[in-house]
PDB file of N, CA and C in Angstrom:
ATOM      1  N   MET A   1      28.251 157.572   0.093  1.00  0.00           N
ATOM      2  CA  MET A   1      27.697 156.921   1.315  1.00  0.00           C
ATOM      3  C   MET A   1      28.304 155.527   1.455  1.00  0.00           C
ATOM      4  N   SER A   2      28.445 154.964   0.279  1.00  0.00           N
ATOM      5  CA  SER A   2      29.289 153.671   0.227  1.00  0.00           C
ATOM      6  C   SER A   2      30.599 153.580   0.884  1.00  0.00           C
ATOM      7  N   TRP A   3      31.329 154.787   0.640  1.00  0.00           N
ATOM      8  CA  TRP A   3      32.637 154.856   1.277  1.00  0.00           C
ATOM      9  C   TRP A   3      32.518 154.781   2.629  1.00  0.00           C
ATOM     10  N   VAL A   4      31.570 155.217   3.278  1.00  0.00           N
ATOM     11  CA  VAL A   4      31.338 155.144   4.889  1.00  0.00           C
ATOM     12  C   VAL A   4      30.638 153.870   5.219  1.00  0.00           C
ATOM     13  N   VAL A   5      29.687 153.553   4.652  1.00  0.00           N
ATOM     14  CA  VAL A   5      28.885 152.322   5.057  1.00  0.00           C
ATOM     15  C   VAL A   5      29.797 150.938   4.934  1.00  0.00           C
ATOM     16  N   GLN A   6      30.330 150.727   3.827  1.00  0.00           N
ATOM     17  CA  GLN A   6      31.077 149.631   3.492  1.00  0.00           C
ATOM     18  C   GLN A   6      32.200 149.205   4.482  1.00  0.00           C
ATOM     19  N   PRO A   7      33.074 150.100   4.779  1.00  0.00           N
ATOM     20  CA  PRO A   7      33.946 149.967   5.877  1.00  0.00           C
ATOM     21  C   PRO A   7      33.397 149.807   7.112  1.00  0.00           C
ATOM     22  N   LEU A   8      32.257 150.359   7.644  1.00  0.00           N
ATOM     23  CA  LEU A   8      31.516 150.183   8.857  1.00  0.00           C
ATOM     24  C   LEU A   8      31.003 148.614   8.843  1.00  0.00           C
ATOM     25  N   VAL A   9      30.503 148.190   7.535  1.00  0.00           N
ATOM     26  CA  VAL A   9      29.989 146.784   7.596  1.00  0.00           C
ATOM     27  C   VAL A   9      31.216 145.931   7.947  1.00  0.00           C
ATOM     28  N   VAL A  10      32.285 146.198   7.175  1.00  0.00           N
ATOM     29  CA  VAL A  10      33.482 145.178   7.460  1.00  0.00           C
ATOM     30  C   VAL A  10      33.881 145.295   8.861  1.00  0.00           C
ATOM     31  N   LEU A  11      33.983 146.542   9.448  1.00  0.00           N
ATOM     32  CA  LEU A  11      34.326 146.643  10.851  1.00  0.00           C
ATOM     33  C   LEU A  11      33.517 145.744  11.826  1.00  0.00           C
ATOM     34  N   VAL A  12      32.175 145.869  11.649  1.00  0.00           N
ATOM     35  CA  VAL A  12      31.143 145.304  12.528  1.00  0.00           C
ATOM     36  C   VAL A  12      31.176 143.824  12.282  1.00  0.00           C
ATOM     37  N   ASN A  13      31.495 143.424  11.028  1.00  0.00           N
ATOM     38  CA  ASN A  13      31.811 141.928  10.902  1.00  0.00           C
ATOM     39  C   ASN A  13      32.987 141.280  11.581  1.00  0.00           C
ATOM     40  N   CYS A  14      34.058 142.350  11.616  1.00  0.00           N
ATOM     41  CA  CYS A  14      35.209 141.908  12.258  1.00  0.00           C
ATOM     42  C   CYS A  14      35.037 141.846  13.796  1.00  0.00           C
ATOM     43  N   VAL A  15      34.400 142.783  14.272  1.00  0.00           N
ATOM     44  CA  VAL A  15      34.021 142.657  15.775  1.00  0.00           C
ATOM     45  C   VAL A  15      33.092 141.280  16.086  1.00  0.00           C
ATOM     46  N   ILE A  16      32.334 140.934  15.277  1.00  0.00           N
ATOM     47  CA  ILE A  16      31.297 139.720  15.487  1.00  0.00           C
ATOM     48  C   ILE A  16      32.458 138.503  15.294  1.00  0.00           C
ATOM     49  N   LEU A  17      33.286 138.653  14.254  1.00  0.00           N
ATOM     50  CA  LEU A  17      34.309 137.454  14.117  1.00  0.00           C
ATOM     51  C   LEU A  17      35.087 137.308  15.456  1.00  0.00           C
ATOM     52  N   TYR A  18      35.651 138.471  15.916  1.00  0.00           N
ATOM     53  CA  TYR A  18      36.397 138.403  16.890  1.00  0.00           C
ATOM     54  C   TYR A  18      35.626 138.081  18.251  1.00  0.00           C
ATOM     55  N   SER A  19      34.472 138.415  18.414  1.00  0.00           N
ATOM     56  CA  SER A  19      33.732 137.904  19.570  1.00  0.00           C
ATOM     57  C   SER A  19      33.601 136.369  19.370  1.00  0.00           C
ATOM     58  N   ASN A  20      33.305 135.882  18.211  1.00  0.00           N
ATOM     59  CA  ASN A  20      33.211 134.352  18.089  1.00  0.00           C
ATOM     60  C   ASN A  20      34.479 133.702  18.459  1.00  0.00           C
ATOM     61  N   LEU A  21      35.439 134.266  18.093  1.00  0.00           N
ATOM     62  CA  LEU A  21      36.790 133.579  18.253  1.00  0.00           C
ATOM     63  C   LEU A  21      37.352 133.663  19.769  1.00  0.00           C
ATOM     64  N   THR A  22      36.726 134.714  20.506  1.00  0.00           N
ATOM     65  CA  THR A  22      37.170 134.851  21.939  1.00  0.00           C
ATOM     66  C   THR A  22      36.180 134.545  22.806  1.00  0.00           C
ATOM     67  N   ALA A  23      35.034 133.800  22.352  1.00  0.00           N
ATOM     68  CA  ALA A  23      33.848 133.410  23.253  1.00  0.00           C
ATOM     69  C   ALA A  23      34.190 132.765  24.463  1.00  0.00           C
ATOM     70  N   VAL A  24      35.011 131.846  24.461  1.00  0.00           N
ATOM     71  CA  VAL A  24      35.324 131.041  25.600  1.00  0.00           C
ATOM     72  C   VAL A  24      35.954 131.643  26.793  1.00  0.00           C
ATOM     73  N   PRO A  25      37.133 132.351  26.286  1.00  0.00           N
ATOM     74  CA  PRO A  25      37.612 133.260  27.552  1.00  0.00           C
ATOM     75  C   PRO A  25      36.902 134.334  27.914  1.00  0.00           C
ATOM     76  N   SER A  26      36.094 135.128  27.075  1.00  0.00           N
ATOM     77  CA  SER A  26      35.309 136.093  27.565  1.00  0.00           C
ATOM     78  C   SER A  26      34.121 135.682  28.453  1.00  0.00           C
ATOM     79  N   VAL A  27      33.494 134.491  28.015  1.00  0.00           N
ATOM     80  CA  VAL A  27      32.430 134.084  28.909  1.00  0.00           C
ATOM     81  C   VAL A  27      33.015 133.435  30.131  1.00  0.00           C
ATOM     82  N   THR A  28      34.192 132.896  30.164  1.00  0.00           N
ATOM     83  CA  THR A  28      34.892 132.273  31.429  1.00  0.00           C
ATOM     84  C   THR A  28      35.324 133.368  32.427  1.00  0.00           C
ATOM     85  N   ALA A  29      35.797 134.567  31.832  1.00  0.00           N
ATOM     86  CA  ALA A  29      36.065 135.680  32.653  1.00  0.00           C
ATOM     87  C   ALA A  29      34.722 136.355  33.131  1.00  0.00           C
ATOM     88  N   ALA A  30      33.828 136.415  32.401  1.00  0.00           N
ATOM     89  CA  ALA A  30      32.653 136.985  33.044  1.00  0.00           C
ATOM     90  C   ALA A  30      32.016 136.150  34.103  1.00  0.00           C
ATOM     91  N   PHE A  31      32.069 134.948  33.907  1.00  0.00           N
ATOM     92  CA  PHE A  31      31.577 133.936  35.013  1.00  0.00           C
ATOM     93  C   PHE A  31      32.505 134.106  36.313  1.00  0.00           C
ATOM     94  N   ALA A  32      33.750 134.222  36.157  1.00  0.00           N
ATOM     95  CA  ALA A  32      34.552 134.354  37.161  1.00  0.00           C
ATOM     96  C   ALA A  32      34.354 135.651  37.888  1.00  0.00           C
ATOM     97  N   LYS A  33      34.098 136.612  37.197  1.00  0.00           N
ATOM     98  CA  LYS A  33      33.955 137.984  37.773  1.00  0.00           C
ATOM     99  C   LYS A  33      32.478 138.144  38.395  1.00  0.00           C
ATOM    100  N   SER A  34      31.584 137.287  38.196  1.00  0.00           N
ATOM    101  CA  SER A  34      30.286 137.180  38.674  1.00  0.00           C
ATOM    102  C   SER A  34      30.349 136.924  40.284  1.00  0.00           C
ATOM    103  N   GLY A  35      31.384 136.138  40.558  1.00  0.00           N
ATOM    104  CA  GLY A  35      31.377 135.643  42.051  1.00  0.00           C
ATOM    105  C   GLY A  35      30.409 134.480  42.458  1.00  0.00           C
ATOM    106  N   ASP A  36      29.705 133.992  41.345  1.00  0.00           N
ATOM    107  CA  ASP A  36      28.724 132.968  41.558  1.00  0.00           C
ATOM    108  C   ASP A  36      29.558 131.645  41.321  1.00  0.00           C
ATOM    109  N   ALA A  37      29.536 130.967  42.489  1.00  0.00           N
ATOM    110  CA  ALA A  37      30.211 129.584  42.490  1.00  0.00           C
ATOM    111  C   ALA A  37      29.744 128.569  41.460  1.00  0.00           C
ATOM    112  N   GLU A  38      28.317 128.673  41.364  1.00  0.00           N
ATOM    113  CA  GLU A  38      27.829 127.695  40.305  1.00  0.00           C
ATOM    114  C   GLU A  38      28.213 127.986  38.849  1.00  0.00           C
ATOM    115  N   LEU A  39      28.263 129.380  38.559  1.00  0.00           N
ATOM    116  CA  LEU A  39      28.705 129.735  37.200  1.00  0.00           C
ATOM    117  C   LEU A  39      30.198 129.467  37.134  1.00  0.00           C
ATOM    118  N   GLN A  40      30.867 129.555  37.994  1.00  0.00           N
ATOM    119  CA  GLN A  40      32.366 129.377  38.002  1.00  0.00           C
ATOM    120  C   GLN A  40      32.664 127.904  37.643  1.00  0.00           C
ATOM    121  N   ARG A  41      31.941 126.956  38.096  1.00  0.00           N
ATOM    122  CA  ARG A  41      32.163 125.502  37.886  1.00  0.00           C
ATOM    123  C   ARG A  41      31.801 124.866  36.454  1.00  0.00           C
ATOM    124  N   ILE A  42      30.967 125.948  35.619  1.00  0.00           N
ATOM    125  CA  ILE A  42      30.649 125.442  34.428  1.00  0.00           C
ATOM    126  C   ILE A  42      31.752 125.317  33.503  1.00  0.00           C
ATOM    127  N   ASP A  43      31.822 124.383  32.721  1.00  0.00           N
ATOM    128  CA  ASP A  43      32.692 123.985  31.555  1.00  0.00           C
ATOM    129  C   ASP A  43      32.265 124.859  30.353  1.00  0.00           C
ATOM    130  N   VAL A  44      32.779 126.086  30.341  1.00  0.00           N
ATOM    131  CA  VAL A  44      32.319 127.088  29.201  1.00  0.00           C
ATOM    132  C   VAL A  44      32.470 126.596  27.878  1.00  0.00           C
ATOM    133  N   ARG A  45      33.585 125.975  27.456  1.00  0.00           N
ATOM    134  CA  ARG A  45      33.830 125.474  26.105  1.00  0.00           C
ATOM    135  C   ARG A  45      32.660 124.479  25.719  1.00  0.00           C
ATOM    136  N   SER A  46      32.340 123.481  26.551  1.00  0.00           N
ATOM    137  CA  SER A  46      31.364 122.514  26.538  1.00  0.00           C
ATOM    138  C   SER A  46      29.905 123.142  26.388  1.00  0.00           C
ATOM    139  N   MET A  47      29.730 124.150  27.149  1.00  0.00           N
ATOM    140  CA  MET A  47      28.460 124.786  27.108  1.00  0.00           C
ATOM    141  C   MET A  47      28.298 125.572  25.931  1.00  0.00           C
ATOM    142  N   LEU A  48      29.383 126.180  25.188  1.00  0.00           N
ATOM    143  CA  LEU A  48      29.201 126.916  24.042  1.00  0.00           C
ATOM    144  C   LEU A  48      29.059 125.915  22.918  1.00  0.00           C
ATOM    145  N   ARG A  49      29.821 124.716  23.049  1.00  0.00           N
ATOM    146  CA  ARG A  49      29.719 123.770  21.868  1.00  0.00           C
ATOM    147  C   ARG A  49      28.369 123.238  21.914  1.00  0.00           C
ATOM    148  N   ALA A  50      27.759 122.875  23.054  1.00  0.00           N
ATOM    149  CA  ALA A  50      26.289 122.411  23.289  1.00  0.00           C
ATOM    150  C   ALA A  50      25.342 123.419  22.563  1.00  0.00           C
ATOM    151  N   ALA A  51      25.565 124.663  22.858  1.00  0.00           N
ATOM    152  CA  ALA A  51      24.803 125.733  22.210  1.00  0.00           C
ATOM    153  C   ALA A  51      24.963 125.660  20.630  1.00  0.00           C
ATOM    154  N   GLU A  52      26.085 125.723  20.282  1.00  0.00           N
ATOM    155  CA  GLU A  52      26.280 125.679  18.768  1.00  0.00           C
ATOM    156  C   GLU A  52      25.671 124.346  18.116  1.00  0.00           C
ATOM    157  N   ASP A  53      25.769 123.327  18.880  1.00  0.00           N
ATOM    158  CA  ASP A  53      25.251 121.994  18.284  1.00  0.00           C
ATOM    159  C   ASP A  53      23.680 122.187  18.306  1.00  0.00           C
ATOM    160  N   GLY A  54      23.026 123.070  18.876  1.00  0.00           N
ATOM    161  CA  GLY A  54      21.693 123.049  18.965  1.00  0.00           C
ATOM    162  C   GLY A  54      21.092 123.767  17.480  1.00  0.00           C
ATOM    163  N   PHE A  55      22.126 124.308  16.810  1.00  0.00           N
ATOM    164  CA  PHE A  55      21.864 124.847  15.428  1.00  0.00           C
ATOM    165  C   PHE A  55      21.717 123.800  14.447  1.00  0.00           C
ATOM    166  N   PRO A  56      20.849 123.935  13.324  1.00  0.00           N
ATOM    167  CA  PRO A  56      20.890 122.943  12.086  1.00  0.00           C
ATOM    168  C   PRO A  56      22.379 122.861  11.619  1.00  0.00           C
ATOM    169  N   ASP A  57      22.703 121.786  11.146  1.00  0.00           N
ATOM    170  CA  ASP A  57      23.919 121.439  10.594  1.00  0.00           C
ATOM    171  C   ASP A  57      24.448 122.610   9.549  1.00  0.00           C
ATOM    172  N   TRP A  58      23.520 123.064   8.778  1.00  0.00           N
ATOM    173  CA  TRP A  58      23.748 123.978   7.860  1.00  0.00           C
ATOM    174  C   TRP A  58      24.178 125.406   8.288  1.00  0.00           C
ATOM    175  N   VAL A  59      23.857 125.689   9.530  1.00  0.00           N
ATOM    176  CA  VAL A  59      24.221 127.014  10.055  1.00  0.00           C
ATOM    177  C   VAL A  59      25.615 127.122  10.465  1.00  0.00           C
ATOM    178  N   MET A  60      26.069 126.251  11.171  1.00  0.00           N
ATOM    179  CA  MET A  60      27.526 126.211  11.728  1.00  0.00           C
ATOM    180  C   MET A  60      28.339 125.235  11.175  1.00  0.00           C
ATOM    181  N   PRO A  61      29.243 125.362  10.431  1.00  0.00           N
ATOM    182  CA  PRO A  61      29.944 126.677  10.072  1.00  0.00           C
ATOM    183  C   PRO A  61      29.263 127.273   8.765  1.00  0.00           C
ATOM    184  N   TYR A  62      28.547 126.518   8.028  1.00  0.00           N
ATOM    185  CA  TYR A  62      28.460 126.993   6.607  1.00  0.00           C
ATOM    186  C   TYR A  62      27.781 128.341   6.580  1.00  0.00           C
ATOM    187  N   LEU A  63      26.708 128.535   7.125  1.00  0.00           N
ATOM    188  CA  LEU A  63      26.053 129.888   6.982  1.00  0.00           C
ATOM    189  C   LEU A  63      26.970 131.031   7.551  1.00  0.00           C
ATOM    190  N   GLN A  64      27.518 130.670   8.839  1.00  0.00           N
ATOM    191  CA  GLN A  64      28.338 131.738   9.360  1.00  0.00           C
ATOM    192  C   GLN A  64      29.617 131.966   8.407  1.00  0.00           C
ATOM    193  N   ASN A  65      30.113 131.092   7.661  1.00  0.00           N
ATOM    194  CA  ASN A  65      31.328 131.456   6.825  1.00  0.00           C
ATOM    195  C   ASN A  65      30.791 132.031   5.529  1.00  0.00           C
ATOM    196  N   LEU A  66      29.583 131.679   5.112  1.00  0.00           N
ATOM    197  CA  LEU A  66      28.947 132.475   3.918  1.00  0.00           C
ATOM    198  C   LEU A  66      28.817 133.821   4.299  1.00  0.00           C
ATOM    199  N   ARG A  67      28.240 134.122   5.553  1.00  0.00           N
ATOM    200  CA  ARG A  67      28.185 135.533   5.783  1.00  0.00           C
ATOM    201  C   ARG A  67      29.424 136.293   5.763  1.00  0.00           C
ATOM    202  N   HIS A  68      30.458 135.761   6.333  1.00  0.00           N
ATOM    203  CA  HIS A  68      31.748 136.262   6.293  1.00  0.00           C
ATOM    204  C   HIS A  68      32.274 136.504   4.857  1.00  0.00           C
ATOM    205  N   LEU A  69      32.098 135.460   3.943  1.00  0.00           N
ATOM    206  CA  LEU A  69      32.399 135.811   2.431  1.00  0.00           C
ATOM    207  C   LEU A  69      31.669 136.891   2.009  1.00  0.00           C
ATOM    208  N   VAL A  70      30.390 136.865   2.079  1.00  0.00           N
ATOM    209  CA  VAL A  70      29.620 137.970   1.365  1.00  0.00           C
ATOM    210  C   VAL A  70      29.896 139.201   1.981  1.00  0.00           C
ATOM    211  N   VAL A  71      30.216 139.323   3.200  1.00  0.00           N
ATOM    212  CA  VAL A  71      30.487 140.742   3.778  1.00  0.00           C
ATOM    213  C   VAL A  71      31.919 141.297   3.371  1.00  0.00           C
ATOM    214  N   PHE A  72      32.844 140.389   3.513  1.00  0.00           N
ATOM    215  CA  PHE A  72      34.164 140.763   3.253  1.00  0.00           C
ATOM    216  C   PHE A  72      34.406 140.932   1.667  1.00  0.00           C
ATOM    217  N   ALA A  73      33.934 139.725   0.849  1.00  0.00           N
ATOM    218  CA  ALA A  73      34.174 139.945  -0.706  1.00  0.00           C
ATOM    219  C   ALA A  73      33.277 140.861  -1.110  1.00  0.00           C
ATOM    220  N   GLY A  74      31.996 141.032  -0.752  1.00  0.00           N
ATOM    221  CA  GLY A  74      31.012 142.055  -1.241  1.00  0.00           C
ATOM    222  C   GLY A  74      31.536 143.539  -0.965  1.00  0.00           C
ATOM    223  N   SER A  75      32.170 143.727   0.276  1.00  0.00           N
ATOM    224  CA  SER A  75      32.566 145.103   0.582  1.00  0.00           C
ATOM    225  C   SER A  75      33.841 145.363  -0.288  1.00  0.00           C
ATOM    226  N   ILE A  76      34.774 144.456  -0.435  1.00  0.00           N
ATOM    227  CA  ILE A  76      36.011 144.641  -1.230  1.00  0.00           C
ATOM    228  C   ILE A  76      35.463 145.120  -2.731  1.00  0.00           C
ATOM    229  N   ALA A  77      34.409 144.288  -3.215  1.00  0.00           N
ATOM    230  CA  ALA A  77      34.041 144.583  -4.545  1.00  0.00           C
ATOM    231  C   ALA A  77      33.449 145.956  -4.595  1.00  0.00           C
ATOM    232  N   VAL A  78      32.559 146.283  -3.743  1.00  0.00           N
ATOM    233  CA  VAL A  78      31.991 147.661  -3.888  1.00  0.00           C
ATOM    234  C   VAL A  78      33.051 148.826  -3.667  1.00  0.00           C
ATOM    235  N   LEU A  79      34.026 148.534  -2.799  1.00  0.00           N
ATOM    236  CA  LEU A  79      35.039 149.608  -2.760  1.00  0.00           C
ATOM    237  C   LEU A  79      35.887 149.630  -3.814  1.00  0.00           C
ATOM    238  N   ALA A  80      36.179 148.457  -4.558  1.00  0.00           N
ATOM    239  CA  ALA A  80      37.016 148.444  -5.695  1.00  0.00           C
ATOM    240  C   ALA A  80      36.250 149.073  -6.923  1.00  0.00           C
ATOM    241  N   LEU A  81      35.058 148.937  -6.853  1.00  0.00           N
ATOM    242  CA  LEU A  81      34.315 149.415  -8.001  1.00  0.00           C
ATOM    243  C   LEU A  81      34.159 150.965  -7.792  1.00  0.00           C
ATOM    244  N   LEU A  82      33.926 151.399  -6.574  1.00  0.00           N
ATOM    245  CA  LEU A  82      34.036 152.818  -6.263  1.00  0.00           C
ATOM    246  C   LEU A  82      35.307 153.566  -6.703  1.00  0.00           C
ATOM    247  N   ALA A  83      36.481 152.717  -6.409  1.00  0.00           N
ATOM    248  CA  ALA A  83      37.702 153.321  -6.536  1.00  0.00           C
ATOM    249  C   ALA A  83      37.959 153.505  -8.059  1.00  0.00           C
ATOM    250  N   ALA A  84      37.481 152.446  -8.753  1.00  0.00           N
ATOM    251  CA  ALA A  84      37.755 152.379 -10.207  1.00  0.00           C
ATOM    252  C   ALA A  84      36.985 153.603 -11.000  1.00  0.00           C
ATOM    253  N   ASN A  85      35.961 154.161 -10.530  1.00  0.00           N
ATOM    254  CA  ASN A  85      35.152 155.236 -11.065  1.00  0.00           C
ATOM    255  C   ASN A  85      35.752 156.528 -10.815  1.00  0.00           C
TER     256      ASN A  85
END
């Protein structure tokens, strides 16, 4: 079961990481496609930065990076241990 679940956990975390890294262009494109003139005037980078600044200081980037470390390192460790047996 771990041979299936751990790669899925890594894959899902990669999708989350990708969505975080591409948030500005993704939201900008969604606002542009909406046809709403008010949405198209929003500075998406500033809006997302303001949303991120709403979190406590220990969340961004510390907790986020800790999650990535636990997921990637933990999954590699589990798969390495399975491969060794």
